[in-house]
């Protein structure tokens, strides 16, 4: 079966990686020493131009490692997609259950109703006390108002605690999902490809060009 053609993003990434590896090779001690021995036969920019012109042949030296890298990355991306699908399915299933749908409603209405009741009880109790009508009823309403106010405050505090716990849970769930490019196997495969590109493709090519130029200069 034929290998799939690399996408535009892959081609761009290959180009960026190739130039980074090329810079790494040109800055290495081996290439610097070889440039000094060549006594100006070739300079860094000439080597860079030749390497860029022959990038396909140089990259072919690490074709096996690049294939392993792309396969590993695709596998990691598929596993990440499955985890995302399972997570969204679980959240949809939970939101459809009666208990989880009722709790948020109660969390909103209990503090609100308690606050309204507290206001009504306190106003009524203070009004009865002010007008001197049945003081024991007024005192009872005031007490009930304070109790309702305490319930409202407690409900608000409980809501805040639930929100903080939910936010922490969502953060930890998001942290557990590792992007495909940050997967440990993908990192190892990428590093193996870049090392092969450097040692089996780039360095031999640059040294051969310097040796060829030095040989021609001494003929």
N, C-alpha and C. Protein backbone atom coordinates (compact mmCIF):
# COMPACT_ATOMS: atom_id res chain seq x y z
N UNK A 1 0.85 -1.19 0.00
CA UNK A 1 0.00 0.00 0.00
C UNK A 1 0.88 1.24 0.00
N UNK A 2 0.54 2.23 -0.81
CA UNK A 2 1.35 3.44 -0.94
C UNK A 2 1.28 4.27 0.33
N UNK A 3 2.39 4.93 0.64
CA UNK A 3 2.43 5.81 1.81
C UNK A 3 1.59 7.05 1.55
N UNK A 4 0.81 7.52 2.53
CA UNK A 4 0.02 8.74 2.33
C UNK A 4 0.92 9.94 2.14
N UNK A 5 0.48 10.87 1.30
CA UNK A 5 1.23 12.09 1.07
C UNK A 5 1.19 12.97 2.32
N UNK A 6 2.33 13.58 2.69
CA UNK A 6 2.31 14.47 3.86
C UNK A 6 1.43 15.67 3.61
N UNK A 7 0.77 16.13 4.67
CA UNK A 7 -0.09 17.30 4.56
C UNK A 7 0.76 18.56 4.50
N UNK A 8 0.08 19.70 4.23
CA UNK A 8 0.79 20.96 4.19
C UNK A 8 1.46 21.28 5.51
N UNK A 9 0.75 20.98 6.62
CA UNK A 9 1.34 21.23 7.95
C UNK A 9 2.57 20.36 8.16
N UNK A 10 2.51 19.09 7.72
CA UNK A 10 3.66 18.20 7.87
C UNK A 10 4.85 18.69 7.04
N UNK A 11 4.57 19.15 5.81
CA UNK A 11 5.65 19.65 4.96
C UNK A 11 6.32 20.86 5.60
N UNK A 12 5.51 21.75 6.14
CA UNK A 12 6.06 22.92 6.82
C UNK A 12 6.89 22.53 8.03
N UNK A 13 6.40 21.55 8.80
CA UNK A 13 7.14 21.10 9.99
C UNK A 13 8.45 20.44 9.59
N UNK A 14 8.43 19.64 8.51
CA UNK A 14 9.66 19.00 8.03
C UNK A 14 10.67 20.07 7.64
N UNK A 15 10.20 21.12 6.94
CA UNK A 15 11.11 22.18 6.53
C UNK A 15 11.74 22.90 7.71
N UNK A 16 10.93 23.21 8.72
CA UNK A 16 11.45 23.89 9.91
C UNK A 16 12.46 23.00 10.63
N UNK A 17 12.12 21.71 10.78
CA UNK A 17 13.02 20.78 11.45
C UNK A 17 14.32 20.62 10.67
N UNK A 18 14.21 20.54 9.34
CA UNK A 18 15.41 20.39 8.50
C UNK A 18 16.35 21.57 8.71
N UNK A 19 15.82 22.78 8.71
CA UNK A 19 16.68 23.95 8.86
C UNK A 19 17.27 24.03 10.27
N UNK A 20 16.51 23.59 11.27
CA UNK A 20 17.04 23.59 12.63
C UNK A 20 18.19 22.58 12.76
N UNK A 21 18.01 21.41 12.17
CA UNK A 21 19.08 20.41 12.19
C UNK A 21 20.28 20.89 11.38
N UNK A 22 20.02 21.58 10.27
CA UNK A 22 21.11 22.13 9.46
C UNK A 22 21.92 23.15 10.28
N UNK A 23 21.26 24.03 10.99
CA UNK A 23 21.96 24.99 11.85
C UNK A 23 22.76 24.27 12.94
N UNK A 24 22.16 23.22 13.50
CA UNK A 24 22.88 22.46 14.53
C UNK A 24 24.16 21.85 13.97
N UNK A 25 24.07 21.32 12.76
CA UNK A 25 25.25 20.71 12.14
C UNK A 25 26.31 21.77 11.81
N UNK A 26 25.88 22.89 11.24
CA UNK A 26 26.84 23.95 10.88
C UNK A 26 27.53 24.53 12.11
N UNK A 27 26.87 24.51 13.25
CA UNK A 27 27.45 25.04 14.48
C UNK A 27 28.25 24.00 15.27
N UNK A 28 28.29 22.77 14.78
CA UNK A 28 28.99 21.71 15.50
C UNK A 28 30.50 21.88 15.36
N UNK A 29 31.24 21.27 16.27
CA UNK A 29 32.69 21.36 16.25
C UNK A 29 33.27 20.67 15.01
N UNK A 30 32.69 19.56 14.62
CA UNK A 30 33.23 18.82 13.46
C UNK A 30 33.18 19.65 12.20
N UNK A 31 32.06 20.32 11.97
CA UNK A 31 31.93 21.13 10.75
C UNK A 31 32.80 22.38 10.86
N UNK A 32 32.88 22.98 12.04
CA UNK A 32 33.73 24.16 12.22
C UNK A 32 35.19 23.82 11.95
N UNK A 33 35.66 22.68 12.47
CA UNK A 33 37.04 22.27 12.22
C UNK A 33 37.27 21.98 10.75
N UNK A 34 36.30 21.34 10.11
CA UNK A 34 36.45 21.04 8.68
C UNK A 34 36.48 22.31 7.84
N UNK A 35 35.70 23.31 8.23
CA UNK A 35 35.72 24.59 7.52
C UNK A 35 37.08 25.27 7.67
N UNK A 36 37.66 25.18 8.86
CA UNK A 36 38.98 25.77 9.06
C UNK A 36 40.04 25.07 8.23
N UNK A 37 39.95 23.74 8.15
CA UNK A 37 40.93 22.99 7.35
C UNK A 37 40.78 23.27 5.87
N UNK A 38 39.54 23.59 5.44
CA UNK A 38 39.34 23.84 4.01
C UNK A 38 39.93 25.16 3.55
N UNK A 39 40.33 26.01 4.48
CA UNK A 39 40.99 27.28 4.18
C UNK A 39 40.18 28.14 3.21
N UNK A 40 38.88 28.22 3.45
CA UNK A 40 38.04 29.10 2.65
C UNK A 40 37.56 28.52 1.34
N UNK A 41 37.81 27.24 1.09
CA UNK A 41 37.32 26.63 -0.14
C UNK A 41 35.80 26.71 -0.21
N UNK A 42 35.15 26.42 0.91
CA UNK A 42 33.70 26.59 1.06
C UNK A 42 33.43 27.32 2.37
N UNK A 43 32.43 28.16 2.40
CA UNK A 43 32.05 28.81 3.65
C UNK A 43 30.70 28.28 4.12
N UNK A 44 30.26 28.76 5.27
CA UNK A 44 29.02 28.27 5.87
C UNK A 44 27.81 28.49 4.97
N UNK A 45 27.72 29.67 4.37
CA UNK A 45 26.56 29.97 3.55
C UNK A 45 26.51 29.10 2.30
N UNK A 46 27.67 28.80 1.73
CA UNK A 46 27.70 27.91 0.58
C UNK A 46 27.26 26.50 0.97
N UNK A 47 27.70 26.05 2.13
CA UNK A 47 27.26 24.73 2.61
C UNK A 47 25.75 24.71 2.85
N UNK A 48 25.23 25.78 3.45
CA UNK A 48 23.80 25.86 3.70
C UNK A 48 23.02 25.80 2.39
N UNK A 49 23.46 26.56 1.40
CA UNK A 49 22.76 26.59 0.11
C UNK A 49 22.74 25.20 -0.52
N UNK A 50 23.87 24.49 -0.48
CA UNK A 50 23.91 23.16 -1.07
C UNK A 50 23.03 22.17 -0.31
N UNK A 51 23.02 22.29 1.02
CA UNK A 51 22.18 21.39 1.82
C UNK A 51 20.70 21.62 1.54
N UNK A 52 20.31 22.89 1.44
CA UNK A 52 18.91 23.19 1.15
C UNK A 52 18.51 22.70 -0.23
N UNK A 53 19.45 22.77 -1.16
CA UNK A 53 19.15 22.33 -2.52
C UNK A 53 18.98 20.81 -2.58
N UNK A 54 19.68 20.10 -1.69
CA UNK A 54 19.63 18.63 -1.68
C UNK A 54 18.83 18.10 -0.48
N UNK A 55 17.87 18.88 -0.01
CA UNK A 55 17.16 18.49 1.21
C UNK A 55 16.43 17.16 1.06
N UNK A 56 15.90 16.87 -0.11
CA UNK A 56 15.17 15.61 -0.28
C UNK A 56 16.09 14.41 -0.09
N UNK A 57 17.29 14.46 -0.68
CA UNK A 57 18.23 13.35 -0.55
C UNK A 57 18.72 13.22 0.89
N UNK A 58 18.95 14.34 1.55
CA UNK A 58 19.41 14.30 2.94
C UNK A 58 18.31 13.73 3.85
N UNK A 59 17.08 14.20 3.65
CA UNK A 59 15.97 13.73 4.49
C UNK A 59 15.70 12.26 4.29
N UNK A 60 16.00 11.74 3.11
CA UNK A 60 15.75 10.31 2.83
C UNK A 60 16.57 9.41 3.73
N UNK A 61 17.71 9.91 4.24
CA UNK A 61 18.55 9.09 5.11
C UNK A 61 17.85 8.76 6.43
N UNK A 62 16.87 9.56 6.81
CA UNK A 62 16.13 9.33 8.06
C UNK A 62 14.66 9.01 7.78
N UNK A 63 14.37 8.46 6.59
CA UNK A 63 12.98 8.20 6.21
C UNK A 63 12.31 7.18 7.12
N UNK A 64 13.06 6.16 7.54
CA UNK A 64 12.48 5.12 8.41
C UNK A 64 12.07 5.72 9.75
N UNK A 65 12.94 6.52 10.34
CA UNK A 65 12.63 7.15 11.63
C UNK A 65 11.47 8.14 11.51
N UNK A 66 11.40 8.83 10.37
CA UNK A 66 10.28 9.77 10.19
C UNK A 66 8.96 9.01 10.08
N UNK A 67 8.98 7.87 9.40
CA UNK A 67 7.76 7.07 9.28
C UNK A 67 7.30 6.58 10.66
N UNK A 68 8.25 6.14 11.49
CA UNK A 68 7.90 5.70 12.84
C UNK A 68 7.32 6.86 13.64
N UNK A 69 7.89 8.05 13.48
CA UNK A 69 7.40 9.23 14.19
C UNK A 69 5.96 9.56 13.79
N UNK A 70 5.67 9.57 12.49
CA UNK A 70 4.32 9.91 12.05
C UNK A 70 3.31 8.86 12.50
N UNK A 71 3.70 7.58 12.47
CA UNK A 71 2.79 6.52 12.93
C UNK A 71 2.52 6.66 14.43
N UNK A 72 3.56 6.94 15.20
CA UNK A 72 3.39 7.09 16.66
C UNK A 72 2.52 8.30 16.98
N UNK A 73 2.73 9.38 16.25
CA UNK A 73 1.94 10.59 16.48
C UNK A 73 0.47 10.35 16.13
N UNK A 74 0.21 9.65 15.03
CA UNK A 74 -1.17 9.36 14.65
C UNK A 74 -1.85 8.47 15.67
N UNK A 75 -1.12 7.49 16.19
CA UNK A 75 -1.69 6.60 17.20
C UNK A 75 -2.01 7.37 18.48
N UNK A 76 -1.11 8.26 18.90
CA UNK A 76 -1.36 9.06 20.11
C UNK A 76 -2.53 10.00 19.91
N UNK A 77 -2.65 10.58 18.70
CA UNK A 77 -3.77 11.48 18.43
C UNK A 77 -5.09 10.72 18.47
N UNK A 78 -5.10 9.47 17.97
CA UNK A 78 -6.31 8.67 18.01
C UNK A 78 -6.73 8.33 19.43
N UNK A 79 -5.75 8.02 20.29
CA UNK A 79 -6.07 7.73 21.69
C UNK A 79 -6.59 8.96 22.41
N UNK A 80 -6.02 10.12 22.10
CA UNK A 80 -6.51 11.36 22.71
C UNK A 80 -7.94 11.64 22.28
N UNK A 81 -8.25 11.40 21.00
CA UNK A 81 -9.61 11.61 20.51
C UNK A 81 -10.61 10.68 21.18
N UNK A 82 -10.20 9.43 21.43
CA UNK A 82 -11.10 8.49 22.11
C UNK A 82 -11.36 8.94 23.54
N UNK A 83 -10.32 9.43 24.22
CA UNK A 83 -10.54 9.91 25.60
C UNK A 83 -11.48 11.11 25.63
N UNK A 84 -11.32 12.01 24.64
CA UNK A 84 -12.21 13.17 24.58
C UNK A 84 -13.65 12.74 24.34
N UNK A 85 -13.85 11.75 23.44
CA UNK A 85 -15.20 11.29 23.13
C UNK A 85 -15.83 10.63 24.34
N UNK A 86 -15.05 9.80 25.04
CA UNK A 86 -15.59 9.14 26.23
C UNK A 86 -15.93 10.15 27.31
N UNK A 87 -15.08 11.16 27.46
CA UNK A 87 -15.34 12.18 28.49
C UNK A 87 -16.59 12.96 28.20
N UNK A 88 -16.81 13.34 26.92
CA UNK A 88 -18.00 14.10 26.58
C UNK A 88 -19.24 13.24 26.70
N UNK A 89 -19.10 11.92 26.38
CA UNK A 89 -20.24 11.03 26.53
C UNK A 89 -20.65 10.88 27.97
N UNK A 90 -19.65 10.76 28.87
CA UNK A 90 -19.96 10.62 30.28
C UNK A 90 -20.64 11.88 30.81
N UNK A 91 -20.15 13.04 30.40
CA UNK A 91 -20.74 14.28 30.91
C UNK A 91 -22.16 14.44 30.41
N UNK A 92 -22.43 14.02 29.14
CA UNK A 92 -23.78 14.11 28.62
C UNK A 92 -24.71 13.16 29.35
N UNK A 93 -24.18 11.95 29.65
CA UNK A 93 -25.00 10.98 30.37
C UNK A 93 -25.32 11.46 31.76
N UNK A 94 -24.34 12.06 32.41
CA UNK A 94 -24.59 12.54 33.77
C UNK A 94 -25.57 13.69 33.79
N UNK A 95 -25.48 14.56 32.78
CA UNK A 95 -26.37 15.71 32.79
C UNK A 95 -27.81 15.30 32.52
N UNK A 96 -27.99 14.11 31.91
CA UNK A 96 -29.34 13.67 31.62
C UNK A 96 -30.01 13.00 32.80
N UNK A 97 -29.28 12.64 33.86
CA UNK A 97 -29.89 11.96 34.99
C UNK A 97 -30.66 12.95 35.84
N UNK A 98 -31.68 12.43 36.53
CA UNK A 98 -32.56 13.31 37.29
C UNK A 98 -31.87 13.96 38.46
N UNK A 99 -30.98 13.19 39.16
CA UNK A 99 -30.36 13.74 40.36
C UNK A 99 -29.45 14.90 40.05
N UNK A 100 -28.58 14.71 39.01
CA UNK A 100 -27.62 15.77 38.73
C UNK A 100 -28.30 16.99 38.15
N UNK A 101 -29.48 16.81 37.51
CA UNK A 101 -30.20 17.97 37.00
C UNK A 101 -30.93 18.71 38.09
N UNK A 102 -31.36 18.00 39.15
CA UNK A 102 -32.12 18.64 40.23
C UNK A 102 -31.21 19.40 41.19
N UNK A 103 -30.02 18.88 41.42
CA UNK A 103 -29.13 19.51 42.40
C UNK A 103 -28.76 20.94 42.05
N UNK A 104 -28.39 21.25 40.78
CA UNK A 104 -28.09 22.65 40.47
C UNK A 104 -29.28 23.58 40.69
N UNK A 105 -30.50 23.07 40.39
CA UNK A 105 -31.69 23.89 40.59
C UNK A 105 -31.88 24.20 42.07
N UNK A 106 -31.73 23.16 42.90
CA UNK A 106 -31.86 23.37 44.34
C UNK A 106 -30.77 24.30 44.86
N UNK A 107 -29.56 24.15 44.32
CA UNK A 107 -28.45 24.99 44.77
C UNK A 107 -28.71 26.46 44.51
N UNK A 108 -29.46 26.76 43.44
CA UNK A 108 -29.77 28.15 43.12
C UNK A 108 -30.95 28.66 43.94
N UNK A 109 -32.01 27.83 44.06
CA UNK A 109 -33.25 28.31 44.65
C UNK A 109 -33.25 28.32 46.18
N UNK A 110 -32.54 27.38 46.81
CA UNK A 110 -32.59 27.33 48.28
C UNK A 110 -32.04 28.61 48.91
N UNK A 111 -30.85 29.09 48.52
CA UNK A 111 -30.39 30.36 49.12
C UNK A 111 -31.29 31.53 48.77
N UNK A 112 -31.82 31.56 47.53
CA UNK A 112 -32.67 32.67 47.12
C UNK A 112 -33.96 32.70 47.92
N UNK A 113 -34.63 31.54 48.02
CA UNK A 113 -35.89 31.47 48.78
C UNK A 113 -35.66 31.76 50.26
N UNK A 114 -34.51 31.27 50.78
CA UNK A 114 -34.22 31.53 52.19
C UNK A 114 -34.01 33.02 52.43
N UNK A 115 -33.36 33.69 51.51
CA UNK A 115 -33.14 35.14 51.66
C UNK A 115 -34.46 35.90 51.61
N UNK A 116 -35.35 35.50 50.68
CA UNK A 116 -36.66 36.16 50.59
C UNK A 116 -37.46 35.93 51.87
N UNK A 117 -37.44 34.66 52.34
CA UNK A 117 -38.19 34.36 53.57
C UNK A 117 -37.64 35.15 54.75
N UNK A 118 -36.32 35.26 54.84
CA UNK A 118 -35.71 36.02 55.94
C UNK A 118 -36.17 37.46 55.91
N UNK A 119 -36.19 38.05 54.72
CA UNK A 119 -36.61 39.45 54.61
C UNK A 119 -38.07 39.61 55.04
N UNK A 120 -38.94 38.68 54.59
CA UNK A 120 -40.37 38.77 54.93
C UNK A 120 -40.56 38.62 56.44
N UNK A 121 -39.92 37.61 57.03
CA UNK A 121 -40.08 37.38 58.46
C UNK A 121 -39.57 38.57 59.28
N UNK A 122 -38.40 39.07 58.91
CA UNK A 122 -37.83 40.17 59.70
C UNK A 122 -38.69 41.43 59.59
N UNK A 123 -39.13 41.75 58.38
CA UNK A 123 -39.96 42.95 58.21
C UNK A 123 -41.27 42.81 58.98
N UNK A 124 -41.89 41.62 58.85
CA UNK A 124 -43.16 41.40 59.55
C UNK A 124 -42.98 41.46 61.06
N UNK A 125 -41.93 40.80 61.57
CA UNK A 125 -41.70 40.78 63.01
C UNK A 125 -41.40 42.18 63.55
N UNK A 126 -40.58 42.93 62.84
CA UNK A 126 -40.26 44.28 63.29
C UNK A 126 -41.48 45.19 63.22
N UNK A 127 -42.33 44.97 62.20
CA UNK A 127 -43.53 45.80 62.09
C UNK A 127 -44.48 45.52 63.26
N UNK A 128 -44.67 44.24 63.59
CA UNK A 128 -45.55 43.91 64.72
C UNK A 128 -45.00 44.47 66.03
N UNK A 129 -43.69 44.38 66.18
CA UNK A 129 -43.11 44.91 67.42
C UNK A 129 -43.25 46.43 67.46
N UNK A 130 -43.08 47.07 66.33
CA UNK A 130 -43.15 48.54 66.31
C UNK A 130 -44.54 49.04 66.62
N UNK A 131 -45.57 48.33 66.12
CA UNK A 131 -46.93 48.77 66.35
C UNK A 131 -47.55 48.18 67.61
N UNK A 132 -46.78 47.39 68.36
CA UNK A 132 -47.23 46.88 69.65
C UNK A 132 -48.26 45.80 69.57
N UNK A 133 -48.41 45.15 68.45
CA UNK A 133 -49.41 44.10 68.34
C UNK A 133 -48.81 42.73 68.56
N UNK A 134 -49.28 42.01 69.54
CA UNK A 134 -48.85 40.66 69.82
C UNK A 134 -47.33 40.52 69.74
N UNK A 135 -46.63 40.97 70.72
CA UNK A 135 -45.16 40.99 70.67
C UNK A 135 -44.55 39.61 70.56
N UNK A 136 -45.22 38.59 71.14
CA UNK A 136 -44.64 37.25 71.06
C UNK A 136 -44.63 36.74 69.63
N UNK A 137 -45.65 37.17 68.81
CA UNK A 137 -45.65 36.77 67.40
C UNK A 137 -44.53 37.49 66.65
N UNK A 138 -44.38 38.78 66.96
CA UNK A 138 -43.30 39.54 66.32
C UNK A 138 -41.94 38.95 66.64
N UNK A 139 -41.72 38.58 67.90
CA UNK A 139 -40.44 37.99 68.28
C UNK A 139 -40.22 36.67 67.56
N UNK A 140 -41.28 35.89 67.41
CA UNK A 140 -41.16 34.61 66.69
C UNK A 140 -40.79 34.82 65.24
N UNK A 141 -41.44 35.82 64.61
CA UNK A 141 -41.12 36.09 63.20
C UNK A 141 -39.68 36.57 63.03
N UNK A 142 -39.24 37.40 63.98
CA UNK A 142 -37.85 37.87 63.90
C UNK A 142 -36.88 36.69 64.04
N UNK A 143 -37.17 35.80 64.97
CA UNK A 143 -36.33 34.61 65.13
C UNK A 143 -36.31 33.78 63.86
N UNK A 144 -37.52 33.58 63.28
CA UNK A 144 -37.60 32.83 62.03
C UNK A 144 -36.82 33.52 60.92
N UNK A 145 -36.86 34.85 60.92
CA UNK A 145 -36.11 35.59 59.91
C UNK A 145 -34.61 35.37 60.04
N UNK A 146 -34.12 35.38 61.28
CA UNK A 146 -32.68 35.13 61.48
C UNK A 146 -32.30 33.71 61.07
N UNK A 147 -33.20 32.76 61.37
CA UNK A 147 -32.92 31.37 60.96
C UNK A 147 -32.86 31.27 59.43
N UNK A 148 -33.84 31.89 58.76
CA UNK A 148 -33.85 31.86 57.29
C UNK A 148 -32.62 32.55 56.72
N UNK A 149 -32.18 33.64 57.34
CA UNK A 149 -30.97 34.33 56.88
C UNK A 149 -29.75 33.44 57.03
N UNK A 150 -29.69 32.70 58.16
CA UNK A 150 -28.56 31.78 58.36
C UNK A 150 -28.57 30.68 57.30
N UNK A 151 -29.77 30.18 56.97
CA UNK A 151 -29.87 29.15 55.92
C UNK A 151 -29.40 29.71 54.57
N UNK A 152 -29.78 30.95 54.26
CA UNK A 152 -29.37 31.58 53.00
C UNK A 152 -27.86 31.72 52.92
N UNK A 153 -27.27 32.18 54.03
CA UNK A 153 -25.80 32.32 54.04
C UNK A 153 -25.13 30.97 53.92
N UNK A 154 -25.64 29.97 54.66
CA UNK A 154 -25.05 28.63 54.56
C UNK A 154 -25.17 28.05 53.16
N UNK A 155 -26.33 28.28 52.53
CA UNK A 155 -26.50 27.79 51.16
C UNK A 155 -25.56 28.45 50.19
N UNK A 156 -25.35 29.75 50.37
CA UNK A 156 -24.43 30.47 49.48
C UNK A 156 -23.00 29.96 49.65
N UNK A 157 -22.60 29.72 50.90
CA UNK A 157 -21.26 29.20 51.14
C UNK A 157 -21.11 27.81 50.54
N UNK A 158 -22.15 26.97 50.68
CA UNK A 158 -22.10 25.63 50.12
C UNK A 158 -22.01 25.68 48.60
N UNK A 159 -22.75 26.61 47.97
CA UNK A 159 -22.68 26.76 46.51
C UNK A 159 -21.28 27.14 46.06
N UNK A 160 -20.66 28.06 46.79
CA UNK A 160 -19.31 28.49 46.44
C UNK A 160 -18.33 27.32 46.56
N UNK A 161 -18.47 26.53 47.63
CA UNK A 161 -17.59 25.38 47.80
C UNK A 161 -17.77 24.38 46.67
N UNK A 162 -19.04 24.14 46.26
CA UNK A 162 -19.30 23.20 45.16
C UNK A 162 -18.68 23.70 43.86
N UNK A 163 -18.79 25.01 43.61
CA UNK A 163 -18.20 25.57 42.40
C UNK A 163 -16.69 25.41 42.38
N UNK A 164 -16.05 25.64 43.53
CA UNK A 164 -14.60 25.50 43.60
C UNK A 164 -14.18 24.06 43.38
N UNK A 165 -14.92 23.11 43.98
CA UNK A 165 -14.59 21.69 43.80
C UNK A 165 -14.78 21.28 42.35
N UNK A 166 -15.87 21.74 41.72
CA UNK A 166 -16.13 21.40 40.32
C UNK A 166 -15.05 21.97 39.41
N UNK A 167 -14.63 23.21 39.69
CA UNK A 167 -13.57 23.82 38.87
C UNK A 167 -12.26 23.05 39.01
N UNK A 168 -11.93 22.64 40.23
CA UNK A 168 -10.70 21.87 40.44
C UNK A 168 -10.78 20.52 39.74
N UNK A 169 -11.97 19.90 39.77
CA UNK A 169 -12.14 18.60 39.11
C UNK A 169 -11.98 18.75 37.60
N UNK A 170 -12.58 19.79 37.04
CA UNK A 170 -12.47 20.00 35.59
C UNK A 170 -11.03 20.29 35.19
N UNK A 171 -10.31 21.06 36.02
CA UNK A 171 -8.91 21.37 35.72
C UNK A 171 -8.07 20.10 35.72
N UNK A 172 -8.29 19.23 36.73
CA UNK A 172 -7.50 18.00 36.80
C UNK A 172 -7.84 17.08 35.65
N UNK A 173 -9.10 17.06 35.22
CA UNK A 173 -9.49 16.21 34.09
C UNK A 173 -8.83 16.69 32.81
N UNK A 174 -8.76 18.02 32.64
CA UNK A 174 -8.11 18.56 31.45
C UNK A 174 -6.62 18.29 31.47
N UNK A 175 -6.01 18.34 32.67
CA UNK A 175 -4.57 18.09 32.77
C UNK A 175 -4.23 16.65 32.45
N UNK A 176 -5.19 15.73 32.70
CA UNK A 176 -4.94 14.32 32.43
C UNK A 176 -4.89 14.02 30.95
N UNK A 177 -5.48 14.87 30.12
CA UNK A 177 -5.48 14.65 28.67
C UNK A 177 -4.18 15.20 28.10
N UNK A 178 -3.33 14.31 27.59
CA UNK A 178 -2.03 14.70 27.06
C UNK A 178 -2.15 14.91 25.56
N UNK A 179 -1.80 16.11 25.03
CA UNK A 179 -1.83 16.31 23.58
C UNK A 179 -0.92 15.31 22.89
N UNK A 180 -1.25 14.99 21.62
CA UNK A 180 -0.51 13.97 20.90
C UNK A 180 0.97 14.32 20.81
N UNK A 181 1.30 15.59 20.54
CA UNK A 181 2.70 15.98 20.37
C UNK A 181 3.47 15.97 21.68
N UNK A 182 2.77 15.93 22.84
CA UNK A 182 3.44 15.90 24.13
C UNK A 182 3.51 14.49 24.71
N UNK A 183 3.00 13.51 23.98
CA UNK A 183 3.07 12.12 24.44
C UNK A 183 4.53 11.68 24.50
N UNK A 184 4.87 10.88 25.53
CA UNK A 184 6.27 10.47 25.72
C UNK A 184 6.79 9.66 24.53
N UNK A 185 5.97 8.74 24.00
CA UNK A 185 6.40 7.94 22.86
C UNK A 185 6.60 8.81 21.62
N UNK A 186 5.74 9.82 21.45
CA UNK A 186 5.89 10.72 20.30
C UNK A 186 7.17 11.53 20.43
N UNK A 187 7.47 11.99 21.63
CA UNK A 187 8.71 12.74 21.84
C UNK A 187 9.93 11.90 21.51
N UNK A 188 9.93 10.64 21.97
CA UNK A 188 11.08 9.77 21.69
C UNK A 188 11.22 9.51 20.20
N UNK A 189 10.10 9.28 19.53
CA UNK A 189 10.15 9.04 18.09
C UNK A 189 10.64 10.26 17.34
N UNK A 190 10.18 11.46 17.76
CA UNK A 190 10.63 12.69 17.11
C UNK A 190 12.13 12.91 17.32
N UNK A 191 12.60 12.67 18.54
CA UNK A 191 14.03 12.85 18.81
C UNK A 191 14.87 11.85 18.02
N UNK A 192 14.37 10.61 17.88
CA UNK A 192 15.11 9.61 17.10
C UNK A 192 15.19 10.02 15.63
N UNK A 193 14.10 10.57 15.10
CA UNK A 193 14.11 11.03 13.71
C UNK A 193 15.10 12.18 13.53
N UNK A 194 15.06 13.15 14.41
CA UNK A 194 15.96 14.31 14.28
C UNK A 194 17.42 13.90 14.44
N UNK A 195 17.70 12.94 15.33
CA UNK A 195 19.07 12.46 15.50
C UNK A 195 19.55 11.74 14.24
N UNK A 196 18.68 10.91 13.66
CA UNK A 196 19.06 10.21 12.43
C UNK A 196 19.27 11.19 11.29
N UNK A 197 18.42 12.23 11.24
CA UNK A 197 18.58 13.24 10.20
C UNK A 197 19.92 13.96 10.35
N UNK A 198 20.32 14.21 11.59
CA UNK A 198 21.58 14.89 11.83
C UNK A 198 22.78 13.99 11.52
N UNK A 199 22.78 12.79 12.10
CA UNK A 199 23.97 11.95 12.05
C UNK A 199 24.11 11.15 10.75
N UNK A 200 22.99 10.73 10.17
CA UNK A 200 23.09 9.91 8.95
C UNK A 200 22.84 10.70 7.68
N UNK A 201 22.21 11.90 7.83
CA UNK A 201 21.92 12.69 6.64
C UNK A 201 22.74 13.94 6.54
N UNK A 202 22.62 14.83 7.54
CA UNK A 202 23.20 16.16 7.42
C UNK A 202 24.72 16.16 7.56
N UNK A 203 25.24 15.55 8.63
CA UNK A 203 26.68 15.59 8.85
C UNK A 203 27.46 14.92 7.72
N UNK A 204 27.09 13.72 7.28
CA UNK A 204 27.84 13.13 6.16
C UNK A 204 27.78 13.98 4.89
N UNK A 205 26.63 14.59 4.61
CA UNK A 205 26.51 15.42 3.41
C UNK A 205 27.45 16.62 3.49
N UNK A 206 27.45 17.33 4.59
CA UNK A 206 28.29 18.52 4.71
C UNK A 206 29.78 18.16 4.68
N UNK A 207 30.16 17.10 5.37
CA UNK A 207 31.57 16.69 5.37
C UNK A 207 32.01 16.24 3.98
N UNK A 208 31.13 15.53 3.26
CA UNK A 208 31.48 15.11 1.90
C UNK A 208 31.68 16.31 0.99
N UNK A 209 30.81 17.34 1.14
CA UNK A 209 30.97 18.53 0.29
C UNK A 209 32.30 19.23 0.59
N UNK A 210 32.68 19.28 1.85
CA UNK A 210 33.95 19.91 2.22
C UNK A 210 35.13 19.09 1.70
N UNK A 211 35.03 17.76 1.80
CA UNK A 211 36.10 16.91 1.30
C UNK A 211 36.25 17.05 -0.22
N UNK A 212 35.10 17.10 -0.92
CA UNK A 212 35.15 17.26 -2.38
C UNK A 212 35.81 18.59 -2.75
N UNK A 213 35.42 19.67 -2.06
CA UNK A 213 36.01 20.97 -2.38
C UNK A 213 37.50 20.98 -2.07
N UNK A 214 37.91 20.33 -0.98
CA UNK A 214 39.33 20.29 -0.62
C UNK A 214 40.12 19.47 -1.63
N UNK A 215 39.52 18.39 -2.12
CA UNK A 215 40.21 17.55 -3.12
C UNK A 215 40.40 18.30 -4.42
N UNK A 216 39.37 19.00 -4.85
CA UNK A 216 39.49 19.76 -6.10
C UNK A 216 40.52 20.88 -5.96
N UNK A 217 40.60 21.44 -4.77
CA UNK A 217 41.53 22.55 -4.57
C UNK A 217 42.99 22.09 -4.63
N UNK A 218 43.22 20.79 -4.31
CA UNK A 218 44.59 20.29 -4.29
C UNK A 218 44.96 19.54 -5.56
N UNK A 219 44.03 19.44 -6.50
CA UNK A 219 44.35 18.74 -7.76
C UNK A 219 45.11 19.69 -8.67
